[in-house]
Amino acid sequence: MSIDMKEAFRALADDRGISIEALLGALADALESAYRRMPGAEDFSWVTIDFETMDIRVLAQDIDEEGEPVGPERDVTPENFGRIAAQTARQVMSQRIREAERDLKYEEYAGREGDIVTGIIQQSDARYTLLDLGRVEALLPQAEQVPYERPEANARLKAYIVEVRKTAKGPQIVVSRTHPGLIKRLFELEVPEIADGVVEIKSCAREPGHRTKIAVGSNDPQVDPVGACVGARGARVRMVVNELRGEKIDIVPYSEDPKDFVMKALSPAKVNEVIVDEEAGSAVVIVPDYQLSLAIGKEGQNARLAARMTGWRIDIKSETQVAEEAAYDEVDWAEGEWIVDEETGEQVWKPAEGGPEISLDEWNEGSVTEEEISDQEDVVEDALSSEDSGSLEEAVEEEAVEEEAVEEEAEEQN
């Protein structure tokens, strides 16, 4: 009987993938639970199992007033212990085996967060998709799925592990198809130089289902990082694109120089000049007029991905826009401000250096010339410096009378 039990334990351990020590521990706990349910059971007792002889015994010790075990160990194995405890032990042991299996599955995937797995699509609905990974199932939530990607039943799918949760029903593995880490892991599978550490993916920016930009650098000057990722005739990058259901991938070389990095990040557009403001964390990019739409991309996608990948706030301008801004800055504009007259409620222009205010109608019609404004300023200055004039209005009236007299003399001479 002992040989049969040993063989049964070995077969069970191999079938479940559980060590024999774990099975013996589960059996001992089950037998202890069964013994304590028997009438007259000792308060402090435990079960020992000798695997070589499969001898099962129940040992016990007395307990003092403080609850500590005292005295020698005593063998308190009941005569009918095997028959009475068999049913209870079987139930408890089955439960412990399931718990041990769940713990093994959790430990297998607990350290694999950030890894890539391949699963078979089992079920798909509006909330999530289930992937069969073999011994466990992975959960692909709707939020982690690529928009417009239609998972087909029984199709193989690669996904990125973002979280492993430990639940009462076993480990719950949450995977993603939108995480940027999926791009890095897929290139590691296809590009040996990345797996060996010769080529590194420095940064990655992705809009799932549409486009991805990655910057790659090489630790070996003799290895071209972009060429290694692209492969012969684009074979390597094509495998990644196929796995992502046709998502476009731009591969650019990484550079320590911010200007050079921003310039390359906007490829395939050609850039004339990059002006970097390190304090503001921004970069002004000047491109030819015919390259402006290509640099910005459809709905700003190219510029947006380049900004995420480089970490700089990018402002793209064409050569014509830069020339217009320069011409605008060269114009000597009049200094002043528009205000509202408190008496009339009209909008008027008030020069910064003083002088008469100009109404909006006069400004638009151009009825007030620089010569007239200068004449009015002279009148104001004369009025302020004159001691005989009673007020500013009188000075203006006197000036008007003089002008009329001059005009009358001119008419008489004619």
Protein backbone atom coordinates (compact mmCIF):
# COMPACT_ATOMS: atom_id res chain seq x y z
CA MET A 1 0.00 0.00 0.00
CA SER A 2 2.86 2.38 0.77
CA ILE A 3 4.37 1.82 -2.67
CA ASP A 4 1.01 2.49 -4.32
CA MET A 5 0.57 5.75 -2.39
CA LYS A 6 4.08 6.88 -3.27
CA GLU A 7 3.49 6.21 -6.94
CA ALA A 8 0.13 7.96 -6.76
CA PHE A 9 1.78 11.01 -5.19
CA ARG A 10 4.47 11.09 -7.87
CA ALA A 11 1.91 10.77 -10.66
CA LEU A 12 -0.25 13.49 -9.13
CA ALA A 13 2.75 15.80 -8.69
CA ASP A 14 3.80 15.33 -12.32
CA ASP A 15 0.26 15.81 -13.63
CA ARG A 16 -0.45 18.97 -11.61
CA GLY A 17 3.04 20.40 -11.85
CA ILE A 18 3.28 20.56 -8.04
CA SER A 19 6.20 19.38 -5.92
CA ILE A 20 5.81 16.29 -3.73
CA GLU A 21 6.64 18.40 -0.66
CA ALA A 22 3.70 20.69 -1.42
CA LEU A 23 1.39 17.68 -1.80
CA LEU A 24 2.57 16.17 1.47
CA GLY A 25 2.04 19.50 3.20
CA ALA A 26 -1.47 19.70 1.79
CA LEU A 27 -2.20 16.14 2.93
CA ALA A 28 -0.87 16.86 6.44
CA ASP A 29 -3.03 19.98 6.75
CA ALA A 30 -6.05 18.05 5.54
CA LEU A 31 -5.49 15.27 8.09
CA GLU A 32 -4.98 17.80 10.90
CA SER A 33 -8.28 19.43 10.00
CA ALA A 34 -9.99 16.03 10.01
CA TYR A 35 -8.46 15.02 13.35
CA ARG A 36 -9.56 18.22 15.12
CA ARG A 37 -13.14 17.51 14.12
CA MET A 38 -13.05 14.15 15.90
CA PRO A 39 -14.34 13.93 19.47
CA GLY A 40 -11.62 14.01 22.14
CA ALA A 41 -9.04 15.58 19.86
CA GLU A 42 -6.03 17.22 21.48
CA ASP A 43 -5.89 21.03 21.42
CA PHE A 44 -2.26 21.20 20.26
CA SER A 45 -1.63 18.50 17.67
CA TRP A 46 -0.07 18.00 14.25
CA VAL A 47 0.35 15.30 11.64
CA THR A 48 3.65 13.86 10.39
CA ILE A 49 4.05 11.88 7.16
CA ASP A 50 7.10 9.75 6.30
CA PHE A 51 7.16 9.63 2.51
CA GLU A 52 9.48 6.62 2.36
CA THR A 53 7.23 4.42 4.47
CA MET A 54 4.03 6.50 4.09
CA ASP A 55 3.61 6.19 7.85
CA ILE A 56 1.06 8.78 9.04
CA ARG A 57 0.95 9.72 12.70
CA VAL A 58 -0.78 12.34 14.87
CA LEU A 59 1.45 13.87 17.57
CA ALA A 60 0.38 16.16 20.41
CA GLN A 61 1.69 18.13 23.38
CA ASP A 62 0.15 19.55 26.50
CA ILE A 63 -0.43 23.31 26.81
CA ASP A 64 0.32 25.36 29.92
CA GLU A 65 -1.72 28.29 31.28
CA GLU A 66 0.01 30.74 28.90
CA GLY A 67 -0.89 28.63 25.86
CA GLU A 68 2.64 27.37 25.27
CA PRO A 69 3.31 23.67 24.49
CA VAL A 70 5.06 21.77 27.34
CA GLY A 71 6.06 18.18 28.01
CA PRO A 72 7.09 15.41 25.66
CA GLU A 73 5.45 14.68 22.30
CA ARG A 74 2.78 11.98 22.46
CA ASP A 75 1.45 9.74 19.71
CA VAL A 76 -2.32 10.22 19.73
CA THR A 77 -3.14 8.62 16.38
CA PRO A 78 -6.68 7.18 16.61
CA GLU A 79 -7.11 3.53 15.69
CA ASN A 80 -9.78 4.29 13.10
CA PHE A 81 -8.19 7.55 11.97
CA GLY A 82 -7.68 6.51 8.33
CA ARG A 83 -11.25 5.35 7.79
CA ILE A 84 -12.97 8.23 9.60
CA ALA A 85 -10.78 10.98 8.17
CA ALA A 86 -10.57 9.70 4.60
CA GLN A 87 -13.60 11.58 3.26
CA THR A 88 -12.74 14.85 5.01
CA ALA A 89 -9.09 14.61 4.04
CA ARG A 90 -9.99 13.99 0.40
CA GLN A 91 -12.13 17.12 0.26
CA VAL A 92 -9.62 19.36 2.03
CA MET A 93 -6.73 17.99 0.03
CA SER A 94 -8.52 18.67 -3.26
CA GLN A 95 -9.04 22.26 -2.18
CA ARG A 96 -5.41 22.62 -1.17
CA ILE A 97 -4.26 21.19 -4.47
CA ARG A 98 -6.35 23.78 -6.33
CA GLU A 99 -4.88 26.54 -4.16
CA ALA A 100 -1.37 25.26 -4.80
CA GLU A 101 -2.07 25.25 -8.55
CA ARG A 102 -3.35 28.83 -8.40
CA ASP A 103 -0.26 29.91 -6.46
CA LEU A 104 2.01 28.26 -9.01
CA LYS A 105 0.22 29.97 -11.89
CA TYR A 106 0.43 33.32 -10.14
CA GLU A 107 4.14 32.89 -9.40
CA GLU A 108 4.72 31.91 -13.03
CA TYR A 109 3.27 35.18 -14.37
CA ALA A 110 3.82 37.55 -11.41
CA GLY A 111 7.33 38.41 -12.56
CA ARG A 112 6.41 38.72 -16.24
CA GLU A 113 4.80 42.17 -16.19
CA GLY A 114 6.16 44.01 -19.20
CA ASP A 115 6.62 40.78 -21.16
CA ILE A 116 4.87 39.67 -24.34
CA VAL A 117 2.67 36.58 -24.61
CA THR A 118 0.91 34.77 -27.43
CA GLY A 119 -2.63 33.56 -26.89
CA ILE A 120 -5.59 32.16 -28.77
CA ILE A 121 -8.77 34.24 -28.81
CA GLN A 122 -11.48 32.32 -26.96
CA GLN A 123 -14.23 34.83 -26.37
CA SER A 124 -14.89 38.41 -27.42
CA ASP A 125 -17.64 40.87 -26.54
CA ALA A 126 -18.15 44.58 -25.93
CA ARG A 127 -16.38 44.48 -22.55
CA TYR A 128 -13.28 42.33 -23.02
CA THR A 129 -11.62 39.55 -24.98
CA LEU A 130 -10.30 36.34 -23.41
CA LEU A 131 -6.96 34.91 -24.56
CA ASP A 132 -6.03 31.31 -23.84
CA LEU A 133 -2.36 31.24 -22.80
CA GLY A 134 -2.30 27.51 -22.11
CA ARG A 135 -2.63 26.97 -18.38
CA VAL A 136 -4.32 30.32 -17.72
CA GLU A 137 -6.51 32.86 -19.49
CA ALA A 138 -5.60 36.51 -20.07
CA LEU A 139 -8.05 39.40 -20.05
CA LEU A 140 -7.85 41.97 -22.85
CA PRO A 141 -10.13 44.89 -21.82
CA GLN A 142 -11.87 47.02 -24.43
CA ALA A 143 -9.79 50.05 -23.37
CA GLU A 144 -6.58 48.14 -24.18
CA GLN A 145 -7.73 47.07 -27.65
CA VAL A 146 -6.77 48.87 -30.85
CA PRO A 147 -9.72 50.83 -32.30
CA TYR A 148 -11.39 49.14 -35.25
CA GLU A 149 -9.40 45.93 -34.70
CA ARG A 150 -11.77 42.96 -34.96
CA PRO A 151 -10.46 39.91 -33.03
CA GLU A 152 -11.35 36.65 -34.77
CA ALA A 153 -12.13 33.52 -32.78
CA ASN A 154 -9.32 30.92 -32.54
CA ALA A 155 -6.84 33.41 -34.04
CA ARG A 156 -3.39 33.82 -32.49
CA LEU A 157 -2.65 37.20 -30.98
CA LYS A 158 0.39 38.72 -29.29
CA ALA A 159 -0.26 41.01 -26.31
CA TYR A 160 1.69 42.94 -23.67
CA ILE A 161 1.27 42.02 -19.98
CA VAL A 162 0.44 45.17 -18.01
CA GLU A 163 -0.75 43.67 -14.70
CA VAL A 164 -1.02 40.34 -12.88
CA ARG A 165 -3.64 40.25 -10.13
CA LYS A 166 -4.00 37.57 -7.46
CA THR A 167 -7.65 36.66 -6.92
CA ALA A 168 -9.54 33.89 -5.11
CA LYS A 169 -10.21 32.16 -8.43
CA GLY A 170 -6.58 32.29 -9.50
CA PRO A 171 -4.33 34.82 -11.19
CA GLN A 172 -5.95 37.40 -13.44
CA ILE A 173 -3.61 38.51 -16.21
CA VAL A 174 -4.44 41.83 -17.87
CA VAL A 175 -2.87 42.33 -21.31
CA SER A 176 -2.81 45.21 -23.79
CA ARG A 177 -2.55 45.76 -27.52
CA THR A 178 -2.15 49.55 -27.28
CA HIS A 179 0.80 49.84 -24.86
CA PRO A 180 4.02 51.31 -26.39
CA GLY A 181 5.91 48.47 -24.71
CA LEU A 182 4.34 46.08 -27.22
CA ILE A 183 6.32 47.79 -29.99
CA LYS A 184 9.59 47.33 -28.10
CA ARG A 185 8.92 43.67 -27.36
CA LEU A 186 7.94 42.91 -30.95
CA PHE A 187 11.16 44.45 -32.24
CA GLU A 188 13.12 42.41 -29.67
CA LEU A 189 11.60 39.26 -31.16
CA GLU A 190 12.42 40.26 -34.74
CA VAL A 191 15.75 42.11 -34.31
CA PRO A 192 18.57 40.09 -32.66
CA GLU A 193 20.65 43.26 -32.21
CA ILE A 194 17.98 44.70 -29.89
CA ALA A 195 17.71 41.44 -27.92
CA ASP A 196 21.52 41.40 -27.50
CA GLY A 197 21.63 45.06 -26.41
CA VAL A 198 23.69 46.27 -29.37
CA VAL A 199 20.79 48.43 -30.60
CA GLU A 200 18.50 50.23 -28.15
CA ILE A 201 15.04 51.76 -28.60
CA LYS A 202 15.59 55.14 -26.95
CA SER A 203 12.03 56.46 -27.14
CA CYS A 204 8.69 55.51 -28.59
CA ALA A 205 5.47 57.39 -29.38
CA ARG A 206 2.38 55.60 -30.62
CA GLU A 207 -1.17 56.23 -31.73
CA PRO A 208 -2.56 52.67 -31.77
CA GLY A 209 -3.92 51.53 -35.06
CA HIS A 210 -2.55 54.50 -36.99
CA ARG A 211 1.13 55.31 -36.64
CA THR A 212 4.19 54.78 -34.43
CA LYS A 213 7.52 56.57 -34.22
CA ILE A 214 10.58 55.03 -32.56
CA ALA A 215 14.08 56.43 -32.08
CA VAL A 216 16.89 53.86 -32.11
CA GLY A 217 20.54 54.16 -31.17
CA SER A 218 23.52 51.84 -31.48
CA ASN A 219 26.17 50.98 -28.90
CA ASP A 220 28.45 49.76 -31.70
CA PRO A 221 29.60 52.38 -34.23
CA GLN A 222 29.80 49.69 -36.92
CA VAL A 223 26.10 48.80 -36.57
CA ASP A 224 23.46 50.94 -38.28
CA PRO A 225 20.50 51.01 -35.84
CA VAL A 226 17.91 51.96 -38.46
CA GLY A 227 19.12 49.37 -40.94
CA ALA A 228 19.14 46.67 -38.27
CA CYS A 229 15.51 47.38 -37.39
CA VAL A 230 14.37 47.62 -41.00
CA GLY A 231 16.15 44.48 -42.13
CA ALA A 232 16.90 43.25 -45.63
CA ARG A 233 14.27 44.72 -47.96
CA GLY A 234 12.25 45.70 -44.89
CA ALA A 235 11.70 42.09 -43.78
CA ARG A 236 12.05 42.72 -40.04
CA VAL A 237 9.87 45.79 -39.75
CA ARG A 238 7.32 44.14 -42.05
CA MET A 239 6.83 41.34 -39.52
CA VAL A 240 6.06 43.90 -36.80
CA VAL A 241 3.69 45.80 -39.09
CA ASN A 242 1.84 42.59 -39.94
CA GLU A 243 1.42 41.74 -36.26
CA LEU A 244 0.01 45.24 -35.69
CA ARG A 245 -2.49 44.80 -38.54
CA GLY A 246 -0.84 47.33 -40.88
CA GLU A 247 0.05 50.10 -38.43
CA LYS A 248 2.65 52.45 -39.94
CA ILE A 249 6.04 52.59 -38.22
CA ASP A 250 8.65 55.36 -38.63
CA ILE A 251 12.18 54.46 -37.49
CA VAL A 252 14.55 57.41 -36.94
CA PRO A 253 18.11 57.53 -35.58
CA TYR A 254 18.50 58.90 -32.07
CA SER A 255 20.71 61.95 -31.50
CA GLU A 256 21.99 63.65 -28.36
CA ASP A 257 21.73 67.03 -30.12
CA PRO A 258 18.17 68.36 -29.58
CA LYS A 259 18.15 70.22 -32.91
CA ASP A 260 19.25 67.17 -34.86
CA PHE A 261 16.86 64.90 -32.97
CA VAL A 262 13.85 67.15 -33.60
CA MET A 263 14.82 67.47 -37.26
CA LYS A 264 14.97 63.69 -37.71
CA ALA A 265 11.84 63.09 -35.66
CA LEU A 266 9.77 65.04 -38.20
CA SER A 267 10.74 62.74 -41.05
CA PRO A 268 9.74 62.15 -43.80
CA ALA A 269 9.46 65.97 -43.96
CA LYS A 270 12.58 68.00 -44.80
CA VAL A 271 13.54 70.68 -42.28
CA ASN A 272 15.58 73.81 -43.00
CA GLU A 273 16.29 75.01 -39.47
CA VAL A 274 15.45 74.25 -35.84
CA ILE A 275 15.57 76.94 -33.13
CA VAL A 276 15.57 75.45 -29.63
CA ASP A 277 14.58 77.27 -26.43
CA GLU A 278 15.91 75.05 -23.64
CA GLU A 279 14.37 77.14 -20.84
CA ALA A 280 10.86 76.94 -22.32
CA GLY A 281 11.38 73.38 -23.57
CA SER A 282 10.17 74.34 -27.04
CA ALA A 283 11.54 74.18 -30.57
CA VAL A 284 10.62 76.30 -33.60
CA VAL A 285 10.97 74.32 -36.82
CA ILE A 286 11.25 76.10 -40.19
CA VAL A 287 10.36 74.05 -43.26
CA PRO A 288 9.88 74.86 -46.97
CA ASP A 289 6.38 75.90 -47.96
CA TYR A 290 5.72 72.67 -49.87
CA GLN A 291 6.82 70.59 -46.85
CA LEU A 292 4.56 72.28 -44.29
CA SER A 293 1.59 69.90 -44.62
CA LEU A 294 3.90 66.86 -44.62
CA ALA A 295 5.69 68.03 -41.47
CA ILE A 296 2.42 68.62 -39.62
CA GLY A 297 0.84 65.41 -40.90
CA LYS A 298 -2.78 64.38 -41.18
CA GLU A 299 -4.69 66.12 -38.36
CA GLY A 300 -1.31 67.07 -36.82
CA GLN A 301 -0.32 63.43 -36.29
CA ASN A 302 3.31 63.68 -37.45
CA ALA A 303 4.05 66.76 -35.34
CA ARG A 304 2.22 65.28 -32.34
CA LEU A 305 4.17 62.02 -32.42
CA ALA A 306 7.47 63.86 -32.92
CA ALA A 307 6.75 66.03 -29.86
CA ARG A 308 5.96 62.98 -27.72
CA MET A 309 9.04 61.11 -28.86
CA THR A 310 11.50 63.99 -28.38
CA GLY A 311 9.88 65.54 -25.32
CA TRP A 312 10.00 69.04 -26.88
CA ARG A 313 7.04 71.30 -27.67
CA ILE A 314 7.32 71.77 -31.44
CA ASP A 315 6.05 74.79 -33.41
CA ILE A 316 6.26 74.30 -37.19
CA LYS A 317 6.42 77.34 -39.50
CA SER A 318 6.91 77.72 -43.24
CA GLU A 319 9.49 80.01 -44.84
CA THR A 320 6.74 82.39 -45.96
CA GLN A 321 5.36 82.66 -42.41
CA VAL A 322 8.82 83.44 -41.03
CA ALA A 323 9.37 86.12 -43.70
CA GLU A 324 5.99 87.73 -42.97
CA GLU A 325 6.70 87.79 -39.24
CA ALA A 326 10.10 89.38 -39.85
CA ALA A 327 8.56 92.05 -42.09
CA TYR A 328 5.87 92.74 -39.53
CA ASP A 329 8.47 93.25 -36.79
CA GLU A 330 10.42 95.72 -38.96
CA VAL A 331 7.44 98.08 -39.34
CA ASP A 332 7.64 101.12 -37.03
CA TRP A 333 4.16 101.01 -35.60
CA ALA A 334 2.60 103.97 -33.80
CA GLU A 335 2.70 103.63 -30.04
CA GLY A 336 -0.48 104.16 -28.11
CA GLU A 337 -3.72 102.49 -27.13
CA TRP A 338 -7.41 102.44 -27.94
CA ILE A 339 -9.62 103.70 -25.13
CA VAL A 340 -13.28 104.59 -24.66
CA ASP A 341 -14.11 108.27 -24.16
CA GLU A 342 -16.01 108.63 -20.88
CA GLU A 343 -18.10 111.60 -22.14
CA THR A 344 -19.07 110.39 -25.62
CA GLY A 345 -18.65 106.65 -25.12
CA GLU A 346 -16.79 106.43 -28.45
CA GLN A 347 -13.61 104.49 -29.09
CA VAL A 348 -10.62 106.80 -29.64
CA TRP A 349 -6.89 106.37 -30.22
CA LYS A 350 -4.67 107.90 -27.53
CA PRO A 351 -1.01 108.40 -28.60
CA ALA A 352 1.59 107.27 -26.07
CA GLU A 353 3.61 110.52 -26.41
CA GLY A 354 0.62 112.77 -25.83
CA GLY A 355 -1.37 114.84 -28.26
CA PRO A 356 -5.00 114.94 -29.41
CA GLU A 357 -7.12 111.84 -29.40
CA ILE A 358 -8.30 110.42 -32.74
CA SER A 359 -11.78 109.01 -33.19
CA LEU A 360 -12.38 105.67 -34.85
CA ASP A 361 -14.09 107.31 -37.86
CA GLU A 362 -11.18 109.66 -38.39
CA TRP A 363 -8.74 106.76 -38.10
CA ASN A 364 -10.61 104.64 -40.66
CA GLU A 365 -11.23 107.50 -43.11
CA GLY A 366 -7.68 108.74 -42.84
CA SER A 367 -8.97 112.32 -42.48
CA VAL A 368 -6.35 113.16 -39.92
CA THR A 369 -2.90 113.47 -41.41
CA GLU A 370 0.42 113.62 -39.64
CA GLU A 371 0.71 117.33 -40.60
CA GLU A 372 -2.66 118.15 -39.04
CA ILE A 373 -1.77 116.22 -35.89
CA SER A 374 1.51 118.16 -35.70
CA ASP A 375 -0.34 121.49 -36.12
CA GLN A 376 -2.76 120.54 -33.36
CA GLU A 377 0.13 119.61 -31.09
CA ASP A 378 1.68 123.04 -31.73
CA VAL A 379 -1.61 124.71 -30.82
CA VAL A 380 -1.74 122.77 -27.59
CA GLU A 381 1.84 123.65 -26.72
CA ASP A 382 1.25 127.36 -27.47
CA ALA A 383 -1.88 127.31 -25.33
CA LEU A 384 -0.10 125.76 -22.42
CA SER A 385 2.82 128.19 -22.66
CA SER A 386 0.65 131.30 -23.15
CA GLU A 387 -0.06 133.34 -20.04
CA ASP A 388 -2.67 135.59 -21.71
CA SER A 389 -4.98 132.84 -22.89
CA GLY A 390 -7.66 131.91 -20.47
CA SER A 391 -8.14 128.35 -21.55
CA LEU A 392 -7.22 125.78 -24.12
CA GLU A 393 -10.52 126.33 -25.98
CA GLU A 394 -9.78 130.06 -26.44
CA ALA A 395 -6.37 129.27 -27.95
CA VAL A 396 -7.91 126.86 -30.41
CA GLU A 397 -10.55 129.46 -31.38
CA GLU A 398 -7.90 132.13 -31.91
CA GLU A 399 -5.96 129.78 -34.16
CA ALA A 400 -9.10 129.10 -36.19
CA VAL A 401 -9.78 132.87 -36.58
CA GLU A 402 -6.24 133.45 -37.81
CA GLU A 403 -6.58 130.69 -40.36
CA GLU A 404 -9.85 132.21 -41.67
CA ALA A 405 -8.21 135.64 -41.97
CA VAL A 406 -5.34 134.17 -43.96
CA GLU A 407 -7.77 132.43 -46.31
CA GLU A 408 -9.79 135.70 -46.83
CA GLU A 409 -6.62 137.65 -47.71
CA ALA A 410 -5.68 134.97 -50.21
CA GLU A 411 -9.12 135.19 -51.86
CA GLU A 412 -8.95 139.03 -52.08
CA GLN A 413 -5.52 138.86 -53.72
CA ASN A 414 -6.88 136.42 -56.26
